Amino acid sequence: MAVGRHLVPSILITLLVIMHTQLWFGRGSLPNVAQLRAELAAQKQRNDQAILANNQLEAEVRDLMEGLEMVEEKARMELGMVKTNEIYVQISR
């Protein structure tokens, strides 16, 4: 009878120790989760920096493209620029 009285608490304590071990040292342990959260925060910061750099490069490309169009338009109007295989017709009034 004494063995039965100690068997259930022993099993419960063993299960508690196993669960506690998993909590601190297992795959989804608290330290592991904290490390993954830190890595996630660092990756988000790198992503934000990359997005900012991409936006700046996109703005530079847009400015260069618009700038070239403005230069070409000015050269056509003021200097009479003609591209290869274009026919220039001047109408005077």
N, C-alpha and C. Protein backbone atom coordinates (compact mmCIF):
# COMPACT_ATOMS: atom_id res chain seq x y z
N MET A 1 0.81 -1.18 0.00
CA MET A 1 0.00 0.00 0.00
C MET A 1 0.87 1.26 0.00
N ALA A 2 2.02 1.22 0.64
CA ALA A 2 2.90 2.37 0.71
C ALA A 2 3.49 2.68 -0.66
N VAL A 3 3.68 1.66 -1.46
CA VAL A 3 4.23 1.87 -2.80
C VAL A 3 3.24 2.65 -3.67
N GLY A 4 1.96 2.36 -3.59
CA GLY A 4 0.92 3.04 -4.36
C GLY A 4 0.79 4.50 -3.99
N ARG A 5 0.99 4.80 -2.71
CA ARG A 5 0.88 6.19 -2.26
C ARG A 5 2.01 7.05 -2.80
N HIS A 6 3.16 6.47 -3.05
CA HIS A 6 4.32 7.22 -3.52
C HIS A 6 4.45 7.18 -5.04
N LEU A 7 3.74 6.28 -5.69
CA LEU A 7 3.87 6.12 -7.14
C LEU A 7 3.29 7.32 -7.89
N VAL A 8 2.09 7.74 -7.57
CA VAL A 8 1.43 8.85 -8.28
C VAL A 8 2.21 10.16 -8.10
N PRO A 9 2.59 10.54 -6.89
CA PRO A 9 3.38 11.78 -6.76
C PRO A 9 4.73 11.68 -7.48
N SER A 10 5.35 10.51 -7.50
CA SER A 10 6.63 10.35 -8.20
C SER A 10 6.44 10.56 -9.69
N ILE A 11 5.37 10.00 -10.25
CA ILE A 11 5.10 10.18 -11.69
C ILE A 11 4.83 11.65 -11.98
N LEU A 12 4.04 12.30 -11.15
CA LEU A 12 3.73 13.71 -11.37
C LEU A 12 4.97 14.59 -11.28
N ILE A 13 5.83 14.31 -10.32
CA ILE A 13 7.07 15.08 -10.18
C ILE A 13 7.98 14.84 -11.38
N THR A 14 8.05 13.60 -11.85
CA THR A 14 8.86 13.28 -13.04
C THR A 14 8.34 14.04 -14.25
N LEU A 15 7.03 14.05 -14.46
CA LEU A 15 6.45 14.80 -15.58
C LEU A 15 6.71 16.29 -15.45
N LEU A 16 6.63 16.80 -14.24
CA LEU A 16 6.90 18.21 -14.00
C LEU A 16 8.35 18.55 -14.34
N VAL A 17 9.27 17.68 -13.96
CA VAL A 17 10.70 17.90 -14.26
C VAL A 17 10.93 17.86 -15.78
N ILE A 18 10.28 16.92 -16.46
CA ILE A 18 10.43 16.82 -17.92
C ILE A 18 9.90 18.09 -18.59
N MET A 19 8.72 18.54 -18.17
CA MET A 19 8.15 19.75 -18.76
C MET A 19 9.01 20.97 -18.47
N HIS A 20 9.53 21.06 -17.29
CA HIS A 20 10.38 22.19 -16.92
C HIS A 20 11.68 22.17 -17.72
N THR A 21 12.23 20.98 -17.93
CA THR A 21 13.44 20.85 -18.74
C THR A 21 13.19 21.30 -20.17
N GLN A 22 12.05 20.90 -20.74
CA GLN A 22 11.69 21.33 -22.09
C GLN A 22 11.53 22.85 -22.16
N LEU A 23 10.97 23.43 -21.11
CA LEU A 23 10.75 24.88 -21.09
C LEU A 23 12.08 25.64 -21.15
N TRP A 24 13.10 25.13 -20.48
CA TRP A 24 14.37 25.85 -20.42
C TRP A 24 15.41 25.39 -21.42
N PHE A 25 15.36 24.13 -21.86
CA PHE A 25 16.43 23.61 -22.71
C PHE A 25 15.93 23.01 -24.02
N GLY A 26 14.65 22.91 -24.24
CA GLY A 26 14.11 22.26 -25.43
C GLY A 26 14.15 23.16 -26.65
N ARG A 27 13.53 22.67 -27.73
CA ARG A 27 13.54 23.38 -29.01
C ARG A 27 12.84 24.73 -28.92
N GLY A 28 11.73 24.80 -28.24
CA GLY A 28 10.99 26.04 -28.09
C GLY A 28 11.20 26.67 -26.74
N SER A 29 12.39 26.55 -26.22
CA SER A 29 12.68 27.03 -24.87
C SER A 29 12.65 28.56 -24.82
N LEU A 30 12.55 29.08 -23.63
CA LEU A 30 12.50 30.53 -23.45
C LEU A 30 13.76 31.22 -23.99
N PRO A 31 14.97 30.73 -23.70
CA PRO A 31 16.15 31.39 -24.27
C PRO A 31 16.18 31.32 -25.80
N ASN A 32 15.74 30.20 -26.35
CA ASN A 32 15.70 30.05 -27.80
C ASN A 32 14.73 31.04 -28.43
N VAL A 33 13.57 31.21 -27.84
CA VAL A 33 12.58 32.15 -28.34
C VAL A 33 13.10 33.58 -28.24
N ALA A 34 13.77 33.90 -27.15
CA ALA A 34 14.34 35.25 -26.99
C ALA A 34 15.40 35.51 -28.07
N GLN A 35 16.22 34.52 -28.37
CA GLN A 35 17.24 34.67 -29.40
C GLN A 35 16.60 34.87 -30.76
N LEU A 36 15.57 34.10 -31.07
CA LEU A 36 14.88 34.22 -32.35
C LEU A 36 14.21 35.59 -32.48
N ARG A 37 13.65 36.09 -31.39
CA ARG A 37 13.04 37.42 -31.43
C ARG A 37 14.08 38.49 -31.70
N ALA A 38 15.26 38.36 -31.10
CA ALA A 38 16.33 39.33 -31.34
C ALA A 38 16.79 39.27 -32.79
N GLU A 39 16.93 38.06 -33.33
CA GLU A 39 17.32 37.91 -34.73
C GLU A 39 16.26 38.49 -35.66
N LEU A 40 15.00 38.30 -35.32
CA LEU A 40 13.91 38.84 -36.12
C LEU A 40 13.94 40.37 -36.12
N ALA A 41 14.17 40.96 -34.97
CA ALA A 41 14.24 42.42 -34.87
C ALA A 41 15.42 42.96 -35.70
N ALA A 42 16.56 42.28 -35.63
CA ALA A 42 17.72 42.71 -36.42
C ALA A 42 17.44 42.58 -37.92
N GLN A 43 16.78 41.50 -38.32
CA GLN A 43 16.45 41.32 -39.74
C GLN A 43 15.46 42.37 -40.22
N LYS A 44 14.49 42.72 -39.37
CA LYS A 44 13.53 43.76 -39.74
C LYS A 44 14.25 45.09 -39.94
N GLN A 45 15.23 45.37 -39.09
CA GLN A 45 15.98 46.61 -39.22
C GLN A 45 16.78 46.62 -40.52
N ARG A 46 17.42 45.48 -40.85
CA ARG A 46 18.15 45.40 -42.12
C ARG A 46 17.20 45.56 -43.30
N ASN A 47 16.01 44.98 -43.22
CA ASN A 47 15.03 45.11 -44.29
C ASN A 47 14.60 46.56 -44.46
N ASP A 48 14.37 47.26 -43.35
CA ASP A 48 13.98 48.66 -43.42
C ASP A 48 15.08 49.51 -44.07
N GLN A 49 16.33 49.23 -43.72
CA GLN A 49 17.45 49.95 -44.33
C GLN A 49 17.53 49.67 -45.82
N ALA A 50 17.31 48.41 -46.22
CA ALA A 50 17.34 48.05 -47.63
C ALA A 50 16.20 48.72 -48.40
N ILE A 51 15.03 48.80 -47.79
CA ILE A 51 13.90 49.47 -48.44
C ILE A 51 14.21 50.95 -48.63
N LEU A 52 14.80 51.57 -47.62
CA LEU A 52 15.17 52.98 -47.72
C LEU A 52 16.19 53.20 -48.84
N ALA A 53 17.20 52.34 -48.90
CA ALA A 53 18.22 52.45 -49.95
C ALA A 53 17.59 52.25 -51.33
N ASN A 54 16.69 51.28 -51.45
CA ASN A 54 16.02 51.04 -52.73
C ASN A 54 15.19 52.24 -53.15
N ASN A 55 14.49 52.85 -52.21
CA ASN A 55 13.68 54.03 -52.53
C ASN A 55 14.55 55.18 -53.00
N GLN A 56 15.70 55.36 -52.36
CA GLN A 56 16.61 56.42 -52.77
C GLN A 56 17.16 56.17 -54.18
N LEU A 57 17.53 54.91 -54.45
CA LEU A 57 18.02 54.58 -55.79
C LEU A 57 16.93 54.76 -56.84
N GLU A 58 15.72 54.38 -56.51
CA GLU A 58 14.60 54.55 -57.44
C GLU A 58 14.37 56.03 -57.74
N ALA A 59 14.47 56.87 -56.73
CA ALA A 59 14.31 58.31 -56.94
C ALA A 59 15.43 58.87 -57.81
N GLU A 60 16.65 58.39 -57.60
CA GLU A 60 17.78 58.83 -58.44
C GLU A 60 17.59 58.43 -59.89
N VAL A 61 17.15 57.19 -60.11
CA VAL A 61 16.92 56.73 -61.48
C VAL A 61 15.82 57.56 -62.14
N ARG A 62 14.74 57.81 -61.40
CA ARG A 62 13.64 58.62 -61.93
C ARG A 62 14.13 60.02 -62.28
N ASP A 63 14.94 60.62 -61.40
CA ASP A 63 15.48 61.96 -61.67
C ASP A 63 16.37 61.96 -62.90
N LEU A 64 17.20 60.93 -63.03
CA LEU A 64 18.08 60.85 -64.20
C LEU A 64 17.28 60.69 -65.48
N MET A 65 16.25 59.85 -65.43
CA MET A 65 15.45 59.65 -66.64
C MET A 65 14.70 60.93 -67.02
N GLU A 66 14.10 61.58 -66.05
CA GLU A 66 13.39 62.82 -66.33
C GLU A 66 14.36 63.91 -66.73
N GLY A 67 15.53 63.92 -66.13
CA GLY A 67 16.54 64.91 -66.47
C GLY A 67 17.00 64.75 -67.90
N LEU A 68 17.19 63.52 -68.36
CA LEU A 68 17.60 63.28 -69.74
C LEU A 68 16.51 63.68 -70.71
N GLU A 69 15.26 63.43 -70.36
CA GLU A 69 14.16 63.83 -71.22
C GLU A 69 14.08 65.35 -71.34
N MET A 70 14.33 66.04 -70.22
CA MET A 70 14.30 67.50 -70.25
C MET A 70 15.46 68.04 -71.07
N VAL A 71 16.62 67.43 -70.97
CA VAL A 71 17.78 67.87 -71.75
C VAL A 71 17.52 67.65 -73.23
N GLU A 72 16.95 66.48 -73.56
CA GLU A 72 16.66 66.19 -74.96
C GLU A 72 15.62 67.17 -75.52
N GLU A 73 14.59 67.45 -74.76
CA GLU A 73 13.55 68.38 -75.22
C GLU A 73 14.13 69.77 -75.45
N LYS A 74 14.99 70.19 -74.51
CA LYS A 74 15.61 71.51 -74.65
C LYS A 74 16.52 71.55 -75.88
N ALA A 75 17.28 70.47 -76.09
CA ALA A 75 18.17 70.41 -77.25
C ALA A 75 17.37 70.41 -78.55
N ARG A 76 16.24 69.78 -78.58
CA ARG A 76 15.41 69.77 -79.79
C ARG A 76 14.83 71.15 -80.06
N MET A 77 14.32 71.79 -79.01
CA MET A 77 13.65 73.08 -79.20
C MET A 77 14.63 74.22 -79.48
N GLU A 78 15.70 74.26 -78.71
CA GLU A 78 16.60 75.41 -78.81
C GLU A 78 17.73 75.20 -79.81
N LEU A 79 18.19 73.96 -79.96
CA LEU A 79 19.35 73.71 -80.80
C LEU A 79 19.02 72.94 -82.07
N GLY A 80 17.77 72.51 -82.20
CA GLY A 80 17.36 71.78 -83.41
C GLY A 80 17.96 70.38 -83.48
N MET A 81 18.09 69.73 -82.35
CA MET A 81 18.65 68.38 -82.34
C MET A 81 17.76 67.41 -83.11
N VAL A 82 18.40 66.55 -83.89
CA VAL A 82 17.68 65.53 -84.65
C VAL A 82 18.37 64.20 -84.40
N LYS A 83 17.59 63.18 -84.09
CA LYS A 83 18.15 61.85 -83.88
C LYS A 83 18.38 61.17 -85.22
N THR A 84 19.14 60.10 -85.18
CA THR A 84 19.39 59.32 -86.39
C THR A 84 18.07 58.76 -86.90
N ASN A 85 17.88 58.78 -88.21
CA ASN A 85 16.69 58.28 -88.90
C ASN A 85 15.45 59.13 -88.61
N GLU A 86 15.63 60.37 -88.18
CA GLU A 86 14.51 61.29 -88.03
C GLU A 86 14.58 62.33 -89.15
N ILE A 87 13.44 62.83 -89.53
CA ILE A 87 13.38 63.89 -90.55
C ILE A 87 12.95 65.16 -89.84
N TYR A 88 13.70 66.20 -90.03
CA TYR A 88 13.42 67.48 -89.39
C TYR A 88 12.72 68.37 -90.40
N VAL A 89 11.56 68.85 -90.04
CA VAL A 89 10.79 69.74 -90.92
C VAL A 89 10.57 71.03 -90.14
N GLN A 90 11.02 72.14 -90.70
CA GLN A 90 10.86 73.43 -90.05
C GLN A 90 9.78 74.22 -90.78
N ILE A 91 8.81 74.69 -90.03
CA ILE A 91 7.74 75.48 -90.60
C ILE A 91 7.90 76.90 -90.06
N SER A 92 8.06 77.85 -90.96
CA SER A 92 8.23 79.21 -90.50
C SER A 92 6.94 79.99 -90.76
N ARG A 93 6.66 80.92 -89.91
CA ARG A 93 5.43 81.71 -90.04
C ARG A 93 5.74 83.12 -90.35
